[in-house]
């Protein structure tokens, strides 16, 4: 099995491409070992000292390390863990990966605005950030202020250039197509 690696704009995150499907049912972001209980693959990766986050994409794994560890020492261990997992035949996700967060409901014209925002994010933003090992998801829209709150995951979470991406890329895109949007903020 050959696993390709790619750097991301976030120097603490490396993208691993095993050449096969990783998470066809959607993306999964694990910020710590406790959250990874629903994924045998994520558990195997968190078992290695220095792993701070695991993001499972459709065909990639983005792993974030802590500051105390360097990629030249951590990368071979993680490659081995990924290879062992896929060769074992174990599932990437176990049964039940947690309940989905309840989404805020919008009505009337606001619902139409939110659908337009979500469509732009899904079609124009998410594919671009997935190439860098991350994901950006709509969290909520404040109709009174025009603020759109987005949740950054994977390589995007904690990336030094994420603020620039939000402000100069996504905010400009949304403001251009959706005049009701005044600004974009990262959801906490």
C-alpha atoms as a PDB file:
ATOM      1  CA  UNK A   1       0.000   0.000   0.000  1.00  0.00           C
ATOM      2  CA  UNK A   2       1.331   3.430  -0.961  1.00  0.00           C
ATOM      3  CA  UNK A   3       0.242   6.455   1.087  1.00  0.00           C
ATOM      4  CA  UNK A   4       0.959   9.862  -0.390  1.00  0.00           C
ATOM      5  CA  UNK A   5       1.416  12.887   1.869  1.00  0.00           C
ATOM      6  CA  UNK A   6       0.837  16.547   1.101  1.00  0.00           C
ATOM      7  CA  UNK A   7       1.642  19.632   3.091  1.00  0.00           C
ATOM      8  CA  UNK A   8      -1.187  22.035   3.901  1.00  0.00           C
ATOM      9  CA  UNK A   9      -1.203  25.796   4.491  1.00  0.00           C
ATOM     10  CA  UNK A  10      -1.250  24.928   8.199  1.00  0.00           C
ATOM     11  CA  UNK A  11       2.311  23.806   9.096  1.00  0.00           C
ATOM     12  CA  UNK A  12       0.965  21.769  12.023  1.00  0.00           C
ATOM     13  CA  UNK A  13      -1.265  19.685   9.715  1.00  0.00           C
ATOM     14  CA  UNK A  14      -0.230  17.088   7.148  1.00  0.00           C
ATOM     15  CA  UNK A  15      -2.606  15.475   4.643  1.00  0.00           C
ATOM     16  CA  UNK A  16      -2.343  11.693   4.121  1.00  0.00           C
ATOM     17  CA  UNK A  17      -3.823  10.158   0.941  1.00  0.00           C
ATOM     18  CA  UNK A  18      -4.112   6.357   1.242  1.00  0.00           C
ATOM     19  CA  UNK A  19      -5.380   5.926  -2.326  1.00  0.00           C
ATOM     20  CA  UNK A  20      -8.757   4.624  -1.193  1.00  0.00           C
ATOM     21  CA  UNK A  21     -12.008   5.815   0.289  1.00  0.00           C
ATOM     22  CA  UNK A  22     -11.644   7.028   3.865  1.00  0.00           C
ATOM     23  CA  UNK A  23     -14.997   8.515   4.885  1.00  0.00           C
ATOM     24  CA  UNK A  24     -17.615   8.307   2.120  1.00  0.00           C
ATOM     25  CA  UNK A  25     -20.466   9.146   4.527  1.00  0.00           C
ATOM     26  CA  UNK A  26     -19.130  12.657   5.185  1.00  0.00           C
ATOM     27  CA  UNK A  27     -16.286  14.351   6.994  1.00  0.00           C
ATOM     28  CA  UNK A  28     -15.445  13.728  10.645  1.00  0.00           C
ATOM     29  CA  UNK A  29     -13.356  15.997  12.855  1.00  0.00           C
ATOM     30  CA  UNK A  30     -11.832  14.568  16.039  1.00  0.00           C
ATOM     31  CA  UNK A  31     -10.181  17.169  18.294  1.00  0.00           C
ATOM     32  CA  UNK A  32      -8.999  14.709  20.964  1.00  0.00           C
ATOM     33  CA  UNK A  33      -8.726  10.998  21.763  1.00  0.00           C
ATOM     34  CA  UNK A  34     -12.004  10.984  23.689  1.00  0.00           C
ATOM     35  CA  UNK A  35     -13.917  12.293  20.660  1.00  0.00           C
ATOM     36  CA  UNK A  36     -12.299   9.569  18.514  1.00  0.00           C
ATOM     37  CA  UNK A  37     -14.062   6.729  20.329  1.00  0.00           C
ATOM     38  CA  UNK A  38     -16.341   6.208  17.300  1.00  0.00           C
ATOM     39  CA  UNK A  39     -13.439   5.689  14.880  1.00  0.00           C
ATOM     40  CA  UNK A  40     -10.914   2.849  15.138  1.00  0.00           C
ATOM     41  CA  UNK A  41      -8.659   4.702  12.678  1.00  0.00           C
ATOM     42  CA  UNK A  42      -8.726   7.959  14.650  1.00  0.00           C
ATOM     43  CA  UNK A  43      -8.107   6.025  17.887  1.00  0.00           C
ATOM     44  CA  UNK A  44      -5.047   4.361  16.345  1.00  0.00           C
ATOM     45  CA  UNK A  45      -3.692   7.756  15.289  1.00  0.00           C
ATOM     46  CA  UNK A  46      -4.333   9.408  18.674  1.00  0.00           C
ATOM     47  CA  UNK A  47      -2.447   6.522  20.312  1.00  0.00           C
ATOM     48  CA  UNK A  48       0.715   8.201  18.996  1.00  0.00           C
ATOM     49  CA  UNK A  49       2.256  10.922  21.120  1.00  0.00           C
ATOM     50  CA  UNK A  50       2.090  14.310  19.437  1.00  0.00           C
ATOM     51  CA  UNK A  51      -1.243  13.895  17.592  1.00  0.00           C
ATOM     52  CA  UNK A  52      -3.554  16.791  18.440  1.00  0.00           C
ATOM     53  CA  UNK A  53      -6.321  16.346  15.842  1.00  0.00           C
ATOM     54  CA  UNK A  54      -7.595  13.928  13.186  1.00  0.00           C
ATOM     55  CA  UNK A  55      -9.844  14.945  10.311  1.00  0.00           C
ATOM     56  CA  UNK A  56     -11.293  12.271   8.041  1.00  0.00           C
ATOM     57  CA  UNK A  57     -12.231  13.447   4.550  1.00  0.00           C
ATOM     58  CA  UNK A  58     -13.755  11.446   1.699  1.00  0.00           C
ATOM     59  CA  UNK A  59     -10.365  10.208   0.467  1.00  0.00           C
ATOM     60  CA  UNK A  60      -7.835  11.708   2.874  1.00  0.00           C
ATOM     61  CA  UNK A  61      -6.800  11.976   6.514  1.00  0.00           C
ATOM     62  CA  UNK A  62      -5.525  15.323   7.825  1.00  0.00           C
ATOM     63  CA  UNK A  63      -3.524  14.993  11.026  1.00  0.00           C
ATOM     64  CA  UNK A  64      -2.580  17.923  13.233  1.00  0.00           C
ATOM     65  CA  UNK A  65       0.442  17.636  15.516  1.00  0.00           C
ATOM     66  CA  UNK A  66       1.389  19.537  18.637  1.00  0.00           C
ATOM     67  CA  UNK A  67       4.302  21.997  18.737  1.00  0.00           C
ATOM     68  CA  UNK A  68       6.619  19.645  20.639  1.00  0.00           C
ATOM     69  CA  UNK A  69       6.852  17.094  17.811  1.00  0.00           C
ATOM     70  CA  UNK A  70       8.346  17.434  14.336  1.00  0.00           C
ATOM     71  CA  UNK A  71       7.000  15.863  11.139  1.00  0.00           C
ATOM     72  CA  UNK A  72      10.237  13.999  10.243  1.00  0.00           C
ATOM     73  CA  UNK A  73       9.852  11.951  13.459  1.00  0.00           C
ATOM     74  CA  UNK A  74       6.056  11.696  13.576  1.00  0.00           C
ATOM     75  CA  UNK A  75       5.262  11.071   9.901  1.00  0.00           C
ATOM     76  CA  UNK A  76       6.740   7.513   9.616  1.00  0.00           C
ATOM     77  CA  UNK A  77       4.875   6.383  12.750  1.00  0.00           C
ATOM     78  CA  UNK A  78       1.584   7.775  11.419  1.00  0.00           C
ATOM     79  CA  UNK A  79       2.131   6.230   7.987  1.00  0.00           C
ATOM     80  CA  UNK A  80       2.589   2.881   9.738  1.00  0.00           C
ATOM     81  CA  UNK A  81      -0.568   3.322  11.805  1.00  0.00           C
ATOM     82  CA  UNK A  82      -2.630   4.216   8.716  1.00  0.00           C
ATOM     83  CA  UNK A  83      -1.209   1.298   6.738  1.00  0.00           C
ATOM     84  CA  UNK A  84      -1.821  -1.146   9.612  1.00  0.00           C
ATOM     85  CA  UNK A  85      -5.401   0.065   9.954  1.00  0.00           C
ATOM     86  CA  UNK A  86      -6.322  -0.357   6.283  1.00  0.00           C
ATOM     87  CA  UNK A  87      -4.534  -3.707   5.989  1.00  0.00           C
ATOM     88  CA  UNK A  88      -6.407  -5.005   9.056  1.00  0.00           C
ATOM     89  CA  UNK A  89      -9.777  -4.532   7.349  1.00  0.00           C
ATOM     90  CA  UNK A  90     -11.169  -2.702  10.399  1.00  0.00           C
ATOM     91  CA  UNK A  91     -13.792  -0.047   9.649  1.00  0.00           C
ATOM     92  CA  UNK A  92     -12.788   3.626   9.611  1.00  0.00           C
ATOM     93  CA  UNK A  93     -15.871   4.445  11.683  1.00  0.00           C
ATOM     94  CA  UNK A  94     -17.513   2.210  14.258  1.00  0.00           C
ATOM     95  CA  UNK A  95     -21.231   2.023  14.831  1.00  0.00           C
ATOM     96  CA  UNK A  96     -22.891   5.332  15.648  1.00  0.00           C
ATOM     97  CA  UNK A  97     -20.616   8.321  15.357  1.00  0.00           C
ATOM     98  CA  UNK A  98     -22.594  10.571  17.641  1.00  0.00           C
ATOM     99  CA  UNK A  99     -25.742  12.572  17.258  1.00  0.00           C
ATOM    100  CA  UNK A 100     -25.824  15.340  14.717  1.00  0.00           C
ATOM    101  CA  UNK A 101     -25.915  18.824  16.115  1.00  0.00           C
ATOM    102  CA  UNK A 102     -29.351  20.372  15.988  1.00  0.00           C
ATOM    103  CA  UNK A 103     -29.447  23.048  13.298  1.00  0.00           C
ATOM    104  CA  UNK A 104     -31.147  26.383  13.819  1.00  0.00           C
ATOM    105  CA  UNK A 105     -34.360  26.740  11.806  1.00  0.00           C
ATOM    106  CA  UNK A 106     -34.924  29.778   9.610  1.00  0.00           C
ATOM    107  CA  UNK A 107     -38.190  30.974   8.078  1.00  0.00           C
ATOM    108  CA  UNK A 108     -39.320  33.012   5.084  1.00  0.00           C
ATOM    109  CA  UNK A 109     -36.807  35.268   3.371  1.00  0.00           C
ATOM    110  CA  UNK A 110     -34.109  34.428   5.949  1.00  0.00           C
ATOM    111  CA  UNK A 111     -34.438  30.726   5.065  1.00  0.00           C
ATOM    112  CA  UNK A 112     -33.840  31.594   1.398  1.00  0.00           C
ATOM    113  CA  UNK A 113     -30.757  33.664   2.303  1.00  0.00           C
ATOM    114  CA  UNK A 114     -29.371  30.829   4.445  1.00  0.00           C
ATOM    115  CA  UNK A 115     -29.925  28.287   1.649  1.00  0.00           C
ATOM    116  CA  UNK A 116     -28.064  30.554  -0.771  1.00  0.00           C
ATOM    117  CA  UNK A 117     -25.175  30.929   1.718  1.00  0.00           C
ATOM    118  CA  UNK A 118     -25.007  27.154   2.281  1.00  0.00           C
ATOM    119  CA  UNK A 119     -25.061  26.439  -1.443  1.00  0.00           C
ATOM    120  CA  UNK A 120     -22.177  28.853  -2.079  1.00  0.00           C
ATOM    121  CA  UNK A 121     -20.167  27.314   0.751  1.00  0.00           C
ATOM    122  CA  UNK A 122     -20.868  23.750  -0.430  1.00  0.00           C
ATOM    123  CA  UNK A 123     -20.151  24.376  -4.112  1.00  0.00           C
ATOM    124  CA  UNK A 124     -17.388  27.003  -4.069  1.00  0.00           C
ATOM    125  CA  UNK A 125     -15.664  26.990  -0.684  1.00  0.00           C
ATOM    126  CA  UNK A 126     -15.641  23.426   0.652  1.00  0.00           C
ATOM    127  CA  UNK A 127     -14.084  21.802  -2.446  1.00  0.00           C
ATOM    128  CA  UNK A 128     -11.245  24.352  -2.369  1.00  0.00           C
ATOM    129  CA  UNK A 129     -10.429  23.933   1.330  1.00  0.00           C
ATOM    130  CA  UNK A 130     -10.739  20.125   1.070  1.00  0.00           C
ATOM    131  CA  UNK A 131      -7.743  20.219  -1.280  1.00  0.00           C
ATOM    132  CA  UNK A 132      -5.805  21.672   1.659  1.00  0.00           C
ATOM    133  CA  UNK A 133      -7.041  19.033   4.112  1.00  0.00           C
ATOM    134  CA  UNK A 134      -9.759  21.079   5.774  1.00  0.00           C
ATOM    135  CA  UNK A 135     -13.426  21.861   5.815  1.00  0.00           C
ATOM    136  CA  UNK A 136     -15.598  24.899   6.475  1.00  0.00           C
ATOM    137  CA  UNK A 137     -19.189  24.446   7.575  1.00  0.00           C
ATOM    138  CA  UNK A 138     -22.035  26.928   7.964  1.00  0.00           C
ATOM    139  CA  UNK A 139     -22.945  27.399  11.631  1.00  0.00           C
ATOM    140  CA  UNK A 140     -25.482  30.232  11.650  1.00  0.00           C
ATOM    141  CA  UNK A 141     -26.601  33.521  10.143  1.00  0.00           C
ATOM    142  CA  UNK A 142     -27.553  36.544  12.229  1.00  0.00           C
ATOM    143  CA  UNK A 143     -30.205  38.317  10.159  1.00  0.00           C
ATOM    144  CA  UNK A 144     -30.038  41.488  12.293  1.00  0.00           C
ATOM    145  CA  UNK A 145     -26.305  42.094  11.791  1.00  0.00           C
ATOM    146  CA  UNK A 146     -25.694  40.199   8.537  1.00  0.00           C
ATOM    147  CA  UNK A 147     -22.961  38.134  10.198  1.00  0.00           C
ATOM    148  CA  UNK A 148     -22.310  34.604   8.922  1.00  0.00           C
ATOM    149  CA  UNK A 149     -20.612  32.261  11.395  1.00  0.00           C
ATOM    150  CA  UNK A 150     -18.560  29.414   9.931  1.00  0.00           C
ATOM    151  CA  UNK A 151     -16.944  26.471  11.700  1.00  0.00           C
ATOM    152  CA  UNK A 152     -13.434  25.620  10.508  1.00  0.00           C
ATOM    153  CA  UNK A 153     -12.290  22.005  10.725  1.00  0.00           C
ATOM    154  CA  UNK A 154      -9.300  19.856   9.862  1.00  0.00           C
ATOM    155  CA  UNK A 155      -6.285  21.753   8.543  1.00  0.00           C
ATOM    156  CA  UNK A 156      -8.345  24.987   8.563  1.00  0.00           C
ATOM    157  CA  UNK A 157      -8.738  24.938  12.344  1.00  0.00           C
ATOM    158  CA  UNK A 158      -5.803  26.845  13.772  1.00  0.00           C
ATOM    159  CA  UNK A 159      -4.247  27.568  10.392  1.00  0.00           C
ATOM    160  CA  UNK A 160      -2.298  30.845  10.324  1.00  0.00           C
ATOM    161  CA  UNK A 161      -3.928  31.808   7.002  1.00  0.00           C
ATOM    162  CA  UNK A 162      -7.505  30.912   8.030  1.00  0.00           C
ATOM    163  CA  UNK A 163      -8.374  34.498   8.993  1.00  0.00           C
ATOM    164  CA  UNK A 164      -7.172  35.685   5.590  1.00  0.00           C
ATOM    165  CA  UNK A 165      -9.236  32.956   3.887  1.00  0.00           C
ATOM    166  CA  UNK A 166     -12.326  33.966   5.858  1.00  0.00           C
ATOM    167  CA  UNK A 167     -12.001  37.713   5.419  1.00  0.00           C
ATOM    168  CA  UNK A 168     -10.598  38.063   1.915  1.00  0.00           C
ATOM    169  CA  UNK A 169     -11.929  34.957   0.252  1.00  0.00           C
ATOM    170  CA  UNK A 170     -15.157  33.681   1.739  1.00  0.00           C
ATOM    171  CA  UNK A 171     -16.462  37.027   3.014  1.00  0.00           C
ATOM    172  CA  UNK A 172     -15.948  38.702  -0.357  1.00  0.00           C
ATOM    173  CA  UNK A 173     -17.607  35.792  -2.170  1.00  0.00           C
ATOM    174  CA  UNK A 174     -20.650  35.782   0.102  1.00  0.00           C
ATOM    175  CA  UNK A 175     -21.016  39.568   0.094  1.00  0.00           C
ATOM    176  CA  UNK A 176     -20.869  39.573  -3.706  1.00  0.00           C
ATOM    177  CA  UNK A 177     -23.631  36.974  -4.171  1.00  0.00           C
ATOM    178  CA  UNK A 178     -25.689  37.632  -1.027  1.00  0.00           C
ATOM    179  CA  UNK A 179     -26.065  41.372  -0.346  1.00  0.00           C
ATOM    180  CA  UNK A 180     -27.590  40.682   3.101  1.00  0.00           C
ATOM    181  CA  UNK A 181     -24.192  39.371   4.317  1.00  0.00           C
ATOM    182  CA  UNK A 182     -22.133  42.064   6.052  1.00  0.00           C
ATOM    183  CA  UNK A 183     -19.240  39.961   7.381  1.00  0.00           C
ATOM    184  CA  UNK A 184     -17.988  36.434   8.076  1.00  0.00           C
ATOM    185  CA  UNK A 185     -16.647  35.263  11.436  1.00  0.00           C
ATOM    186  CA  UNK A 186     -15.175  31.998  12.676  1.00  0.00           C
ATOM    187  CA  UNK A 187     -17.545  30.240  15.056  1.00  0.00           C
ATOM    188  CA  UNK A 188     -16.007  29.465  18.436  1.00  0.00           C
END
